[in-house]
């Protein structure tokens, strides 16, 4: 490998390093921290799917709205809280999604 090839490889490595670092962080999260906080991902996703199905079965309308997306965020967090009700981040996220849903509904009432 000549110096130009080495320099090119080094530059490519520098460009991809942020992606590699992010993937290493993800491996650490999904390999340990997330499982210990929320249980096995397949169980968590099945639990959340049941919550989504219940919500979708009870709602009116054919299209998905911004309020529905806020509700999905809340339901996703509830699915995690069922496994670990001590997760303060999940409680805070629910408040955030709730405020978004509130804003959407308030804006739609002001327009309508």
C-alpha atoms as a PDB file:
ATOM      1  CA  UNK A   1       0.000   0.000   0.000  1.00  0.00           C
ATOM      2  CA  UNK A   2       1.539   3.300  -1.051  1.00  0.00           C
ATOM      3  CA  UNK A   3       1.197   6.565   0.870  1.00  0.00           C
ATOM      4  CA  UNK A   4      -1.698   7.807  -1.309  1.00  0.00           C
ATOM      5  CA  UNK A   5      -3.660   4.612  -0.636  1.00  0.00           C
ATOM      6  CA  UNK A   6      -2.872   4.847   3.064  1.00  0.00           C
ATOM      7  CA  UNK A   7      -3.974   8.485   3.173  1.00  0.00           C
ATOM      8  CA  UNK A   8      -7.188   7.628   1.317  1.00  0.00           C
ATOM      9  CA  UNK A   9      -7.946   4.776   3.723  1.00  0.00           C
ATOM     10  CA  UNK A  10      -7.271   7.044   6.694  1.00  0.00           C
ATOM     11  CA  UNK A  11      -9.577   9.755   5.330  1.00  0.00           C
ATOM     12  CA  UNK A  12     -12.318   7.184   4.745  1.00  0.00           C
ATOM     13  CA  UNK A  13     -11.864   5.905   8.285  1.00  0.00           C
ATOM     14  CA  UNK A  14     -12.224   9.443   9.666  1.00  0.00           C
ATOM     15  CA  UNK A  15     -15.445   9.936   7.645  1.00  0.00           C
ATOM     16  CA  UNK A  16     -17.082   6.735   8.905  1.00  0.00           C
ATOM     17  CA  UNK A  17     -15.864   6.949  12.513  1.00  0.00           C
ATOM     18  CA  UNK A  18     -18.973   8.814  13.788  1.00  0.00           C
ATOM     19  CA  UNK A  19     -21.179   6.050  12.370  1.00  0.00           C
ATOM     20  CA  UNK A  20     -18.996   3.350  13.874  1.00  0.00           C
ATOM     21  CA  UNK A  21     -19.070   5.094  17.270  1.00  0.00           C
ATOM     22  CA  UNK A  22     -22.853   5.362  17.136  1.00  0.00           C
ATOM     23  CA  UNK A  23     -23.202   1.674  16.268  1.00  0.00           C
ATOM     24  CA  UNK A  24     -20.888   0.734  19.147  1.00  0.00           C
ATOM     25  CA  UNK A  25     -23.111   2.755  21.512  1.00  0.00           C
ATOM     26  CA  UNK A  26     -26.204   1.017  20.117  1.00  0.00           C
ATOM     27  CA  UNK A  27     -24.613  -2.401  20.632  1.00  0.00           C
ATOM     28  CA  UNK A  28     -23.959  -1.482  24.262  1.00  0.00           C
ATOM     29  CA  UNK A  29     -27.524  -0.210  24.745  1.00  0.00           C
ATOM     30  CA  UNK A  30     -29.383  -3.095  23.134  1.00  0.00           C
ATOM     31  CA  UNK A  31     -26.993  -5.687  24.487  1.00  0.00           C
ATOM     32  CA  UNK A  32     -27.324  -4.778  28.124  1.00  0.00           C
ATOM     33  CA  UNK A  33     -29.009  -1.607  29.340  1.00  0.00           C
ATOM     34  CA  UNK A  34     -32.234  -1.800  27.304  1.00  0.00           C
ATOM     35  CA  UNK A  35     -32.851  -5.463  28.100  1.00  0.00           C
ATOM     36  CA  UNK A  36     -32.375  -4.899  31.810  1.00  0.00           C
ATOM     37  CA  UNK A  37     -34.709  -1.872  31.772  1.00  0.00           C
ATOM     38  CA  UNK A  38     -37.482  -3.061  29.450  1.00  0.00           C
ATOM     39  CA  UNK A  39     -37.153  -6.829  29.148  1.00  0.00           C
ATOM     40  CA  UNK A  40     -36.713  -8.831  25.981  1.00  0.00           C
ATOM     41  CA  UNK A  41     -37.474  -6.716  22.888  1.00  0.00           C
ATOM     42  CA  UNK A  42     -39.843  -9.260  21.329  1.00  0.00           C
ATOM     43  CA  UNK A  43     -41.942  -9.343  24.513  1.00  0.00           C
ATOM     44  CA  UNK A  44     -41.945  -5.536  24.733  1.00  0.00           C
ATOM     45  CA  UNK A  45     -42.952  -5.165  21.073  1.00  0.00           C
ATOM     46  CA  UNK A  46     -45.768  -7.717  21.426  1.00  0.00           C
ATOM     47  CA  UNK A  47     -47.048  -5.919  24.512  1.00  0.00           C
ATOM     48  CA  UNK A  48     -46.920  -2.582  22.667  1.00  0.00           C
ATOM     49  CA  UNK A  49     -48.595  -4.111  19.584  1.00  0.00           C
ATOM     50  CA  UNK A  50     -51.535  -5.128  21.770  1.00  0.00           C
ATOM     51  CA  UNK A  51     -51.795  -1.563  23.075  1.00  0.00           C
ATOM     52  CA  UNK A  52     -51.689  -0.177  19.509  1.00  0.00           C
ATOM     53  CA  UNK A  53     -54.300  -2.695  18.337  1.00  0.00           C
ATOM     54  CA  UNK A  54     -56.631  -1.763  21.176  1.00  0.00           C
ATOM     55  CA  UNK A  55     -56.207   1.925  20.400  1.00  0.00           C
ATOM     56  CA  UNK A  56     -56.693   1.501  16.641  1.00  0.00           C
ATOM     57  CA  UNK A  57     -59.741  -0.708  17.164  1.00  0.00           C
ATOM     58  CA  UNK A  58     -61.437   1.957  19.270  1.00  0.00           C
ATOM     59  CA  UNK A  59     -60.693   5.027  17.140  1.00  0.00           C
ATOM     60  CA  UNK A  60     -62.764   6.571  14.371  1.00  0.00           C
ATOM     61  CA  UNK A  61     -61.467   7.447  10.931  1.00  0.00           C
ATOM     62  CA  UNK A  62     -59.429   5.771   8.262  1.00  0.00           C
ATOM     63  CA  UNK A  63     -56.291   7.898   8.138  1.00  0.00           C
ATOM     64  CA  UNK A  64     -53.603   8.244  10.764  1.00  0.00           C
ATOM     65  CA  UNK A  65     -53.310  11.760  12.216  1.00  0.00           C
ATOM     66  CA  UNK A  66     -50.700  13.652  14.184  1.00  0.00           C
ATOM     67  CA  UNK A  67     -52.710  12.977  17.336  1.00  0.00           C
ATOM     68  CA  UNK A  68     -52.537   9.251  16.561  1.00  0.00           C
ATOM     69  CA  UNK A  69     -48.748   9.492  16.311  1.00  0.00           C
ATOM     70  CA  UNK A  70     -48.614  11.248  19.697  1.00  0.00           C
ATOM     71  CA  UNK A  71     -50.784   8.437  21.085  1.00  0.00           C
ATOM     72  CA  UNK A  72     -48.466   5.811  19.556  1.00  0.00           C
ATOM     73  CA  UNK A  73     -45.529   7.467  21.335  1.00  0.00           C
ATOM     74  CA  UNK A  74     -47.443   7.391  24.621  1.00  0.00           C
ATOM     75  CA  UNK A  75     -48.437   3.753  24.110  1.00  0.00           C
ATOM     76  CA  UNK A  76     -44.851   2.802  23.267  1.00  0.00           C
ATOM     77  CA  UNK A  77     -43.715   4.352  26.531  1.00  0.00           C
ATOM     78  CA  UNK A  78     -46.536   2.645  28.469  1.00  0.00           C
ATOM     79  CA  UNK A  79     -45.381  -0.676  27.008  1.00  0.00           C
ATOM     80  CA  UNK A  80     -41.937  -0.007  28.449  1.00  0.00           C
ATOM     81  CA  UNK A  81     -43.314   1.175  31.791  1.00  0.00           C
ATOM     82  CA  UNK A  82     -45.220  -2.084  32.209  1.00  0.00           C
ATOM     83  CA  UNK A  83     -41.816  -3.794  32.422  1.00  0.00           C
ATOM     84  CA  UNK A  84     -40.119  -1.042  34.449  1.00  0.00           C
ATOM     85  CA  UNK A  85     -42.415   1.534  36.096  1.00  0.00           C
ATOM     86  CA  UNK A  86     -39.374   3.167  37.732  1.00  0.00           C
ATOM     87  CA  UNK A  87     -38.041   4.546  34.427  1.00  0.00           C
ATOM     88  CA  UNK A  88     -38.286   8.306  34.895  1.00  0.00           C
ATOM     89  CA  UNK A  89     -37.314   8.906  31.250  1.00  0.00           C
ATOM     90  CA  UNK A  90     -40.430   7.066  30.089  1.00  0.00           C
ATOM     91  CA  UNK A  91     -42.663   9.174  32.354  1.00  0.00           C
ATOM     92  CA  UNK A  92     -41.060  12.355  31.019  1.00  0.00           C
ATOM     93  CA  UNK A  93     -41.439  11.142  27.419  1.00  0.00           C
ATOM     94  CA  UNK A  94     -45.148  10.477  28.010  1.00  0.00           C
ATOM     95  CA  UNK A  95     -45.539  14.062  29.228  1.00  0.00           C
ATOM     96  CA  UNK A  96     -43.755  15.264  26.101  1.00  0.00           C
ATOM     97  CA  UNK A  97     -45.951  13.230  23.748  1.00  0.00           C
ATOM     98  CA  UNK A  98     -49.016  14.368  25.683  1.00  0.00           C
ATOM     99  CA  UNK A  99     -48.042  18.017  25.246  1.00  0.00           C
ATOM    100  CA  UNK A 100     -47.619  17.439  21.507  1.00  0.00           C
ATOM    101  CA  UNK A 101     -51.069  15.833  21.258  1.00  0.00           C
ATOM    102  CA  UNK A 102     -52.517  18.719  23.270  1.00  0.00           C
ATOM    103  CA  UNK A 103     -50.921  21.280  20.951  1.00  0.00           C
ATOM    104  CA  UNK A 104     -52.209  19.503  17.839  1.00  0.00           C
ATOM    105  CA  UNK A 105     -55.754  19.355  19.224  1.00  0.00           C
ATOM    106  CA  UNK A 106     -55.663  22.971  20.398  1.00  0.00           C
ATOM    107  CA  UNK A 107     -54.396  24.163  17.010  1.00  0.00           C
ATOM    108  CA  UNK A 108     -57.059  22.157  15.168  1.00  0.00           C
ATOM    109  CA  UNK A 109     -59.817  23.680  17.350  1.00  0.00           C
ATOM    110  CA  UNK A 110     -58.448  27.169  16.666  1.00  0.00           C
ATOM    111  CA  UNK A 111     -58.534  26.480  12.908  1.00  0.00           C
ATOM    112  CA  UNK A 112     -61.918  24.792  12.924  1.00  0.00           C
END
